[in-house]
């Protein structure tokens, strides 16, 4: 499986690791705002992050360490502003 890593240049301690579009791990998570099989919305030190997909299931949730991991088909990772408008995406298209 391929693995993609993103590090935020402003805060190199946050990591987003996507493994073959079948799972992810995000660090520096301070809260889970909502989740279902199609979207997980997280609060992080860099803002809100939405992971969109199919059959998403959280496998690790540790707010003590700030780590959230999940499995399922990942269609996109988006950084959201307060009004939930999309600011930036990790994958260009869904599908």
N, C-alpha and C. Protein backbone atom coordinates (compact mmCIF):
# COMPACT_ATOMS: atom_id res chain seq x y z
N UNK A 1 0.83 -1.19 0.00
CA UNK A 1 0.00 0.00 0.00
C UNK A 1 0.86 1.24 0.00
N UNK A 2 0.43 2.24 -0.74
CA UNK A 2 1.16 3.49 -0.75
C UNK A 2 0.76 4.32 0.46
N UNK A 3 1.66 5.22 0.85
CA UNK A 3 1.40 6.06 2.01
C UNK A 3 1.78 7.48 1.65
N UNK A 4 0.88 8.42 1.92
CA UNK A 4 1.14 9.83 1.67
C UNK A 4 1.21 10.55 3.01
N UNK A 5 2.17 11.45 3.15
CA UNK A 5 2.31 12.22 4.38
C UNK A 5 2.26 13.70 4.04
N UNK A 6 1.53 14.45 4.87
CA UNK A 6 1.45 15.90 4.73
C UNK A 6 1.88 16.49 6.05
N UNK A 7 2.76 17.46 6.00
CA UNK A 7 3.11 18.20 7.21
C UNK A 7 2.81 19.66 6.95
N UNK A 8 2.12 20.27 7.84
CA UNK A 8 1.78 21.68 7.74
C UNK A 8 3.06 22.47 7.98
N UNK A 9 3.44 23.31 7.04
CA UNK A 9 4.67 24.08 7.16
C UNK A 9 4.69 25.00 8.36
N UNK A 10 3.54 25.54 8.76
CA UNK A 10 3.47 26.45 9.89
C UNK A 10 3.59 25.70 11.21
N UNK A 11 3.20 24.45 11.23
CA UNK A 11 3.24 23.67 12.46
C UNK A 11 3.63 22.24 12.10
N UNK A 12 4.93 21.99 12.00
CA UNK A 12 5.45 20.71 11.50
C UNK A 12 5.14 19.54 12.43
N UNK A 13 4.53 19.80 13.60
CA UNK A 13 4.20 18.70 14.50
C UNK A 13 2.93 17.98 14.09
N UNK A 14 2.04 18.62 13.33
CA UNK A 14 0.83 17.93 12.89
C UNK A 14 1.18 17.05 11.70
N UNK A 15 0.66 15.81 11.74
CA UNK A 15 0.87 14.88 10.64
C UNK A 15 -0.47 14.35 10.17
N UNK A 16 -0.58 14.18 8.86
CA UNK A 16 -1.71 13.48 8.26
C UNK A 16 -1.10 12.39 7.41
N UNK A 17 -1.40 11.15 7.77
CA UNK A 17 -0.86 10.01 7.04
C UNK A 17 -2.03 9.26 6.42
N UNK A 18 -2.03 9.14 5.09
CA UNK A 18 -3.07 8.42 4.36
C UNK A 18 -2.43 7.18 3.76
N UNK A 19 -3.03 6.03 4.05
CA UNK A 19 -2.49 4.77 3.57
C UNK A 19 -3.39 4.20 2.49
N UNK A 20 -2.96 4.32 1.25
CA UNK A 20 -3.66 3.72 0.13
C UNK A 20 -5.14 4.06 0.03
N UNK A 21 -5.55 5.25 0.45
CA UNK A 21 -6.95 5.69 0.45
C UNK A 21 -7.84 4.77 1.27
N UNK A 22 -7.24 3.88 2.07
CA UNK A 22 -8.03 2.94 2.86
C UNK A 22 -7.96 3.23 4.35
N UNK A 23 -7.21 4.23 4.73
CA UNK A 23 -7.10 4.57 6.14
C UNK A 23 -6.29 5.83 6.32
N UNK A 24 -6.40 6.44 7.50
CA UNK A 24 -5.62 7.64 7.78
C UNK A 24 -5.34 7.74 9.27
N UNK A 25 -4.33 8.56 9.58
CA UNK A 25 -4.02 8.94 10.95
C UNK A 25 -3.73 10.44 10.94
N UNK A 26 -4.35 11.17 11.85
CA UNK A 26 -4.13 12.61 11.98
C UNK A 26 -3.72 12.88 13.41
N UNK A 27 -2.66 13.68 13.56
CA UNK A 27 -2.20 14.05 14.89
C UNK A 27 -2.62 15.49 15.20
N UNK A 28 -2.42 15.89 16.43
CA UNK A 28 -2.76 17.22 16.94
C UNK A 28 -4.27 17.47 16.89
N UNK A 29 -5.06 16.43 17.15
CA UNK A 29 -6.51 16.53 17.18
C UNK A 29 -6.96 16.87 18.59
N UNK A 30 -7.79 17.91 18.70
CA UNK A 30 -8.27 18.31 20.03
C UNK A 30 -9.72 17.89 20.25
N UNK A 31 -10.43 17.48 19.19
CA UNK A 31 -11.81 17.05 19.35
C UNK A 31 -12.39 16.47 18.08
N UNK A 32 -13.42 15.64 18.25
CA UNK A 32 -14.19 15.11 17.13
C UNK A 32 -15.52 15.84 17.15
N UNK A 33 -15.79 16.63 16.10
CA UNK A 33 -17.01 17.44 16.06
C UNK A 33 -18.20 16.65 15.55
N UNK A 34 -17.98 15.74 14.62
CA UNK A 34 -19.04 14.87 14.12
C UNK A 34 -18.41 13.71 13.36
N UNK A 35 -19.17 12.61 13.26
CA UNK A 35 -18.68 11.49 12.47
C UNK A 35 -19.83 10.59 12.08
N UNK A 36 -19.73 10.04 10.90
CA UNK A 36 -20.60 8.98 10.42
C UNK A 36 -19.80 8.23 9.36
N UNK A 37 -20.45 7.34 8.62
CA UNK A 37 -19.73 6.53 7.64
C UNK A 37 -19.26 7.33 6.43
N UNK A 38 -19.76 8.56 6.25
CA UNK A 38 -19.40 9.35 5.08
C UNK A 38 -18.54 10.57 5.38
N UNK A 39 -18.46 10.99 6.65
CA UNK A 39 -17.65 12.17 6.97
C UNK A 39 -17.25 12.16 8.44
N UNK A 40 -15.98 12.51 8.68
CA UNK A 40 -15.47 12.71 10.04
C UNK A 40 -14.94 14.13 10.09
N UNK A 41 -15.43 14.94 11.04
CA UNK A 41 -14.98 16.33 11.18
C UNK A 41 -14.22 16.45 12.49
N UNK A 42 -12.97 16.91 12.38
CA UNK A 42 -12.07 16.99 13.52
C UNK A 42 -11.65 18.44 13.78
N UNK A 43 -11.46 18.77 15.05
CA UNK A 43 -10.89 20.06 15.44
C UNK A 43 -9.41 19.81 15.71
N UNK A 44 -8.53 20.61 15.07
CA UNK A 44 -7.09 20.45 15.26
C UNK A 44 -6.47 21.80 15.55
N UNK A 45 -5.19 21.77 15.83
CA UNK A 45 -4.45 23.01 16.07
C UNK A 45 -4.35 23.90 14.86
N UNK A 46 -4.59 23.34 13.66
CA UNK A 46 -4.54 24.13 12.42
C UNK A 46 -5.93 24.45 11.90
N UNK A 47 -6.97 24.12 12.64
CA UNK A 47 -8.35 24.37 12.21
C UNK A 47 -9.12 23.08 12.06
N UNK A 48 -10.31 23.20 11.51
CA UNK A 48 -11.18 22.03 11.32
C UNK A 48 -10.78 21.29 10.05
N UNK A 49 -10.80 19.95 10.17
CA UNK A 49 -10.49 19.09 9.04
C UNK A 49 -11.65 18.14 8.85
N UNK A 50 -12.11 18.01 7.59
CA UNK A 50 -13.16 17.08 7.23
C UNK A 50 -12.57 15.97 6.38
N UNK A 51 -12.80 14.72 6.78
CA UNK A 51 -12.40 13.57 5.97
C UNK A 51 -13.68 12.99 5.40
N UNK A 52 -13.78 12.97 4.08
CA UNK A 52 -14.97 12.45 3.41
C UNK A 52 -14.65 11.11 2.78
N UNK A 53 -15.63 10.20 2.81
CA UNK A 53 -15.40 8.90 2.22
C UNK A 53 -16.60 8.00 2.31
N UNK A 54 -16.33 6.70 2.30
CA UNK A 54 -17.37 5.68 2.34
C UNK A 54 -16.96 4.62 3.36
N UNK A 55 -17.90 4.22 4.19
CA UNK A 55 -17.62 3.18 5.18
C UNK A 55 -16.56 3.59 6.20
N UNK A 56 -16.50 4.88 6.54
CA UNK A 56 -15.49 5.34 7.49
C UNK A 56 -15.81 4.86 8.89
N UNK A 57 -14.78 4.42 9.59
CA UNK A 57 -14.92 3.91 10.95
C UNK A 57 -13.69 4.32 11.74
N UNK A 58 -13.89 5.03 12.84
CA UNK A 58 -12.78 5.44 13.69
C UNK A 58 -12.25 4.22 14.43
N UNK A 59 -10.93 4.01 14.33
CA UNK A 59 -10.31 2.86 14.99
C UNK A 59 -9.48 3.27 16.21
N UNK A 60 -8.95 4.49 16.19
CA UNK A 60 -8.19 5.02 17.33
C UNK A 60 -8.67 6.43 17.59
N UNK A 61 -9.02 6.71 18.84
CA UNK A 61 -9.40 8.06 19.25
C UNK A 61 -8.77 8.31 20.60
N UNK A 62 -7.68 9.09 20.60
CA UNK A 62 -7.00 9.42 21.84
C UNK A 62 -6.78 10.92 21.90
N UNK A 63 -7.65 11.60 22.62
CA UNK A 63 -7.50 13.05 22.76
C UNK A 63 -6.34 13.38 23.69
N UNK A 64 -5.93 12.43 24.53
CA UNK A 64 -4.76 12.64 25.39
C UNK A 64 -3.50 12.82 24.56
N UNK A 65 -3.35 11.97 23.53
CA UNK A 65 -2.18 12.07 22.65
C UNK A 65 -2.49 12.87 21.39
N UNK A 66 -3.77 13.18 21.14
CA UNK A 66 -4.15 13.97 19.97
C UNK A 66 -4.15 13.19 18.68
N UNK A 67 -4.36 11.87 18.75
CA UNK A 67 -4.31 11.02 17.56
C UNK A 67 -5.68 10.44 17.25
N UNK A 68 -6.07 10.54 15.97
CA UNK A 68 -7.28 9.88 15.47
C UNK A 68 -6.89 9.09 14.23
N UNK A 69 -7.30 7.82 14.20
CA UNK A 69 -7.10 6.96 13.04
C UNK A 69 -8.45 6.39 12.63
N UNK A 70 -8.59 6.15 11.33
CA UNK A 70 -9.83 5.57 10.82
C UNK A 70 -9.53 4.73 9.60
N UNK A 71 -10.46 3.84 9.27
CA UNK A 71 -10.38 3.03 8.07
C UNK A 71 -11.63 3.26 7.24
N UNK A 72 -11.57 2.92 5.97
CA UNK A 72 -12.65 3.09 5.02
C UNK A 72 -12.10 3.73 3.76
N UNK A 73 -12.92 3.85 2.73
CA UNK A 73 -12.48 4.47 1.49
C UNK A 73 -12.46 5.99 1.67
N UNK A 74 -11.30 6.60 1.50
CA UNK A 74 -11.15 8.04 1.67
C UNK A 74 -11.28 8.72 0.31
N UNK A 75 -12.26 9.62 0.21
CA UNK A 75 -12.47 10.37 -1.03
C UNK A 75 -11.83 11.75 -0.99
N UNK A 76 -11.66 12.30 0.20
CA UNK A 76 -11.06 13.63 0.28
C UNK A 76 -10.81 14.07 1.70
N UNK A 77 -9.82 14.95 1.85
CA UNK A 77 -9.52 15.58 3.12
C UNK A 77 -9.54 17.08 2.88
N UNK A 78 -10.38 17.79 3.65
CA UNK A 78 -10.58 19.21 3.43
C UNK A 78 -10.33 19.99 4.70
N UNK A 79 -9.74 21.17 4.57
CA UNK A 79 -9.62 22.10 5.68
C UNK A 79 -10.79 23.05 5.58
N UNK A 80 -11.50 23.25 6.68
CA UNK A 80 -12.73 24.04 6.68
C UNK A 80 -12.53 25.34 7.44
N UNK A 81 -13.25 26.40 6.99
CA UNK A 81 -13.29 27.60 7.82
C UNK A 81 -14.53 27.50 8.71
N UNK A 82 -14.80 28.50 9.52
CA UNK A 82 -15.89 28.42 10.50
C UNK A 82 -17.25 28.18 9.87
N UNK A 83 -17.48 28.67 8.65
CA UNK A 83 -18.78 28.48 8.01
C UNK A 83 -18.84 27.20 7.19
N UNK A 84 -17.85 26.33 7.35
CA UNK A 84 -17.75 25.04 6.66
C UNK A 84 -17.58 25.17 5.16
N UNK A 85 -17.14 26.34 4.67
CA UNK A 85 -16.79 26.45 3.26
C UNK A 85 -15.46 25.74 3.08
N UNK A 86 -15.28 25.17 1.94
CA UNK A 86 -14.05 24.43 1.69
C UNK A 86 -12.93 25.39 1.35
N UNK A 87 -11.78 25.22 2.03
CA UNK A 87 -10.62 26.07 1.79
C UNK A 87 -9.58 25.38 0.93
N UNK A 88 -9.30 24.14 1.23
CA UNK A 88 -8.27 23.43 0.50
C UNK A 88 -8.55 21.95 0.57
N UNK A 89 -8.16 21.20 -0.45
CA UNK A 89 -8.41 19.77 -0.46
C UNK A 89 -7.14 18.98 -0.68
N UNK A 90 -7.14 17.76 -0.18
CA UNK A 90 -6.00 16.86 -0.36
C UNK A 90 -6.14 16.10 -1.68
N UNK A 91 -7.30 15.49 -1.91
CA UNK A 91 -7.56 14.82 -3.18
C UNK A 91 -8.35 15.76 -4.05
N UNK A 92 -8.02 15.84 -5.33
CA UNK A 92 -8.68 16.78 -6.22
C UNK A 92 -10.15 16.48 -6.46
N UNK A 93 -10.49 15.23 -6.71
CA UNK A 93 -11.87 14.86 -7.02
C UNK A 93 -12.30 13.70 -6.17
N UNK A 94 -13.59 13.65 -5.95
CA UNK A 94 -14.17 12.50 -5.26
C UNK A 94 -14.31 11.36 -6.25
N UNK A 95 -14.35 10.14 -5.74
CA UNK A 95 -14.66 9.04 -6.62
C UNK A 95 -13.76 7.89 -6.52
